Amino acid sequence: MNEYHRLCVERARELARKPYPLTGEQIAERTGISAHYANKLIKEARREESR
């Protein structure tokens, strides 16, 4: 994974953990990753939250 992509994913994870809900499409638009991957990150963040 190149540096740019790693930074995009890191930013997407930060957005997925925000207390206000963003959709996968909104995160994808703001970070440049796919909406599908953004939705996976949202699910991952919610799973961590519920632990």
Protein backbone atom coordinates (compact mmCIF):
# COMPACT_ATOMS: atom_id res chain seq x y z
CA MET A 1 0.00 0.00 0.00
CA ASN A 2 1.54 3.31 -0.96
CA GLU A 3 1.82 6.23 1.42
CA TYR A 4 -1.06 8.23 -0.12
CA HIS A 5 -3.47 5.30 0.10
CA ARG A 6 -2.40 4.57 3.68
CA LEU A 7 -3.12 8.18 4.65
CA CYS A 8 -6.53 8.06 2.93
CA VAL A 9 -7.45 4.90 4.83
CA GLU A 10 -6.22 6.40 8.10
CA ARG A 11 -8.39 9.49 7.54
CA ALA A 12 -11.38 7.31 6.63
CA ARG A 13 -10.96 5.39 9.90
CA GLU A 14 -10.93 8.68 11.82
CA LEU A 15 -14.14 9.78 10.10
CA ALA A 16 -15.78 6.41 10.75
CA ARG A 17 -15.14 6.82 14.49
CA LYS A 18 -16.72 10.28 14.73
CA PRO A 19 -19.72 10.53 17.05
CA TYR A 20 -21.90 11.95 14.27
CA PRO A 21 -22.83 9.50 11.53
CA LEU A 22 -21.31 9.78 8.07
CA THR A 23 -22.29 7.44 5.28
CA GLY A 24 -19.77 5.35 3.40
CA GLU A 25 -20.34 7.54 0.36
CA GLN A 26 -19.55 10.71 2.31
CA ILE A 27 -16.36 9.22 3.72
CA ALA A 28 -15.37 7.97 0.27
CA GLU A 29 -15.95 11.41 -1.22
CA ARG A 30 -13.81 13.09 1.44
CA THR A 31 -10.94 10.58 1.40
CA GLY A 32 -10.75 9.15 -2.11
CA ILE A 33 -11.29 5.51 -1.16
CA SER A 34 -14.17 3.39 -2.45
CA ALA A 35 -17.58 3.60 -0.79
CA HIS A 36 -17.56 -0.17 -0.33
CA TYR A 37 -14.31 -0.03 1.65
CA ALA A 38 -15.55 2.99 3.63
CA ASN A 39 -18.65 1.00 4.65
CA LYS A 40 -16.40 -1.83 5.85
CA LEU A 41 -14.44 0.66 7.96
CA ILE A 42 -17.67 2.00 9.47
CA LYS A 43 -18.75 -1.51 10.44
CA GLU A 44 -15.31 -2.17 11.94
CA ALA A 45 -15.46 1.06 13.97
CA ARG A 46 -18.93 0.24 15.28
CA ARG A 47 -17.80 -3.25 16.26
CA GLU A 48 -14.88 -1.78 18.23
CA GLU A 49 -17.24 0.72 19.84
CA SER A 50 -19.59 -1.97 21.11
CA ARG A 51 -16.82 -3.90 22.91
